[in-house]
Amino acid sequence: MDKTIILKKFNEHSKNTLMETLDIEYINVGDGFLTAKMPVNNKVHQPYGQLHGGATAALAESVGSAASNFFIDRKNQFVNGIQLSINHIKSKKEGVVFATAKNIHKGKSTHLWEVTIVDENDQLISVAKMTNIVLDLPKK
């Protein structure tokens, strides 16, 4: 499938969700990775005017969960995140952050992703590992 079409579909699925609230936009996809961006502004700040760790974690989980959709049978399966571990390296007050999920393990029932979050100057902001479980859709 065309990269533009894939990104459009991911962004359409984000409507009326936390991803839309945080202005998360999927911007790049390739073999074994998915990248999204999120603006850093007062919408995602903690009380001291810095990027909230929870917003960063939401970005990481959004990208890691979405990326697993490339490896499942979406007609019969779905993905749930079951574990997220994130280390915050550097604070950020304004600008943009980019999260890239890269596949570490692609099993039948679990996927493991490393999500690297950098800013517009390629400065490392956070690093996360995310585990997803692959589940069967309920039978109709």
Protein backbone atom coordinates (compact mmCIF):
# COMPACT_ATOMS: atom_id res chain seq x y z
CA MET A 1 0.00 0.00 0.00
CA ASP A 2 1.15 3.54 -0.72
CA LYS A 3 2.84 5.38 2.17
CA THR A 4 0.59 8.43 1.73
CA ILE A 5 -2.54 6.29 1.95
CA ILE A 6 -1.27 4.49 5.06
CA LEU A 7 -0.51 7.76 6.87
CA LYS A 8 -3.86 9.22 5.83
CA LYS A 9 -5.68 6.18 7.27
CA PHE A 10 -3.75 6.35 10.56
CA ASN A 11 -4.51 10.06 10.89
CA GLU A 12 -8.20 9.52 10.06
CA HIS A 13 -8.41 6.88 12.83
CA SER A 14 -7.08 9.50 15.28
CA LYS A 15 -10.13 11.75 14.92
CA ASN A 16 -12.08 12.24 18.17
CA THR A 17 -9.38 10.50 20.22
CA LEU A 18 -6.57 11.48 22.57
CA MET A 19 -4.27 11.66 19.54
CA GLU A 20 -6.41 14.45 18.06
CA THR A 21 -6.57 16.22 21.45
CA LEU A 22 -2.75 16.22 21.66
CA ASP A 23 -2.39 17.12 17.94
CA ILE A 24 -0.44 13.92 17.25
CA GLU A 25 0.05 13.39 13.51
CA TYR A 26 1.56 10.33 11.82
CA ILE A 27 4.15 11.58 9.34
CA ASN A 28 6.36 8.72 8.15
CA VAL A 29 6.23 4.97 7.77
CA GLY A 30 8.66 2.41 6.44
CA ASP A 31 9.90 -1.14 6.85
CA GLY A 32 9.60 -1.84 10.59
CA PHE A 33 9.00 1.75 11.78
CA LEU A 34 6.34 4.42 12.21
CA THR A 35 6.89 8.11 13.10
CA ALA A 36 4.49 10.69 14.50
CA LYS A 37 4.94 14.29 15.63
CA MET A 38 3.38 16.31 18.44
CA PRO A 39 3.66 20.07 19.02
CA VAL A 40 4.99 21.17 22.41
CA ASN A 41 2.82 23.99 23.70
CA ASN A 42 0.63 24.80 26.70
CA LYS A 43 -1.76 21.99 25.70
CA VAL A 44 0.88 19.39 26.68
CA HIS A 45 2.71 21.31 29.42
CA GLN A 46 2.88 20.40 33.08
CA PRO A 47 2.42 23.28 35.60
CA TYR A 48 6.07 24.41 35.23
CA GLY A 49 5.72 25.03 31.50
CA GLN A 50 7.56 21.93 30.31
CA LEU A 51 6.43 18.96 28.23
CA HIS A 52 4.39 16.69 30.49
CA GLY A 53 5.79 13.17 30.85
CA GLY A 54 2.27 11.80 30.48
CA ALA A 55 1.83 13.52 27.12
CA THR A 56 5.19 12.09 26.03
CA ALA A 57 4.09 8.64 27.18
CA ALA A 58 0.79 9.04 25.29
CA LEU A 59 2.75 9.88 22.13
CA ALA A 60 5.03 6.86 22.60
CA GLU A 61 2.12 4.49 23.25
CA SER A 62 0.12 5.87 20.31
CA VAL A 63 2.97 5.24 17.87
CA GLY A 64 3.90 1.84 19.33
CA SER A 65 0.31 0.62 19.29
CA ALA A 66 -0.39 1.88 15.79
CA ALA A 67 2.78 0.30 14.43
CA SER A 68 1.68 -3.17 15.54
CA ASN A 69 -1.24 -2.92 13.12
CA PHE A 70 1.18 -3.65 10.25
CA PHE A 71 1.80 -7.14 11.62
CA ILE A 72 -1.70 -8.38 12.42
CA ASP A 73 -4.76 -9.58 10.54
CA ARG A 74 -6.90 -6.49 11.19
CA LYS A 75 -10.06 -8.28 10.08
CA ASN A 76 -9.70 -10.84 12.88
CA GLN A 77 -7.27 -9.33 15.41
CA PHE A 78 -6.60 -6.17 17.39
CA VAL A 79 -3.76 -4.86 19.54
CA ASN A 80 -3.68 -3.68 23.15
CA GLY A 81 -0.71 -2.14 24.87
CA ILE A 82 0.18 -4.14 27.98
CA GLN A 83 3.38 -2.45 29.14
CA LEU A 84 5.07 0.90 28.63
CA SER A 85 8.36 1.93 30.21
CA ILE A 86 9.67 5.40 29.46
CA ASN A 87 12.76 7.35 30.45
CA HIS A 88 12.70 11.13 30.13
CA ILE A 89 16.14 12.43 29.20
CA LYS A 90 15.66 16.12 28.50
CA SER A 91 12.91 18.68 29.10
CA LYS A 92 11.23 20.65 26.33
CA LYS A 93 9.23 23.90 26.56
CA GLU A 94 8.21 24.59 22.98
CA GLY A 95 8.66 23.30 19.47
CA VAL A 96 7.89 19.82 18.18
CA VAL A 97 8.76 16.28 19.23
CA PHE A 98 8.95 13.28 16.92
CA ALA A 99 8.37 9.70 18.08
CA THR A 100 9.65 6.79 16.02
CA ALA A 101 8.64 3.24 16.91
CA LYS A 102 11.04 0.54 15.70
CA ASN A 103 10.20 -3.12 15.98
CA ILE A 104 12.37 -5.23 18.29
CA HIS A 105 10.25 -8.40 18.41
CA LYS A 106 7.38 -9.46 16.21
CA GLY A 107 5.77 -12.59 17.67
CA LYS A 108 2.38 -14.16 17.04
CA SER A 109 0.96 -12.94 20.35
CA THR A 110 3.26 -10.08 21.44
CA HIS A 111 5.18 -7.25 19.80
CA LEU A 112 7.98 -5.26 21.39
CA TRP A 113 8.77 -1.72 20.22
CA GLU A 114 11.47 0.79 21.02
CA VAL A 115 10.14 4.33 20.72
CA THR A 116 12.66 7.15 20.47
CA ILE A 117 11.42 10.70 20.97
CA VAL A 118 13.55 13.57 19.64
CA ASP A 119 12.93 17.25 19.08
CA GLU A 120 13.23 19.31 15.89
CA ASN A 121 17.00 19.61 16.54
CA ASP A 122 17.35 15.81 16.83
CA GLN A 123 17.99 16.14 20.60
CA LEU A 124 16.95 13.03 22.53
CA ILE A 125 13.94 13.81 24.75
CA SER A 126 12.73 10.36 25.85
CA VAL A 127 13.14 6.66 25.14
CA ALA A 128 10.39 4.10 25.67
CA LYS A 129 9.85 0.37 25.31
CA MET A 130 6.35 -0.85 24.66
CA THR A 131 4.86 -4.33 24.64
CA ASN A 132 1.62 -5.04 22.79
CA ILE A 133 -0.55 -8.12 22.94
CA VAL A 134 -2.31 -9.41 19.83
CA LEU A 135 -5.87 -10.54 20.55
CA ASP A 136 -8.62 -12.08 18.45
CA LEU A 137 -11.68 -9.98 17.73
CA PRO A 138 -14.83 -11.36 19.35
CA LYS A 139 -16.78 -13.65 17.06
CA LYS A 140 -20.00 -12.11 15.79
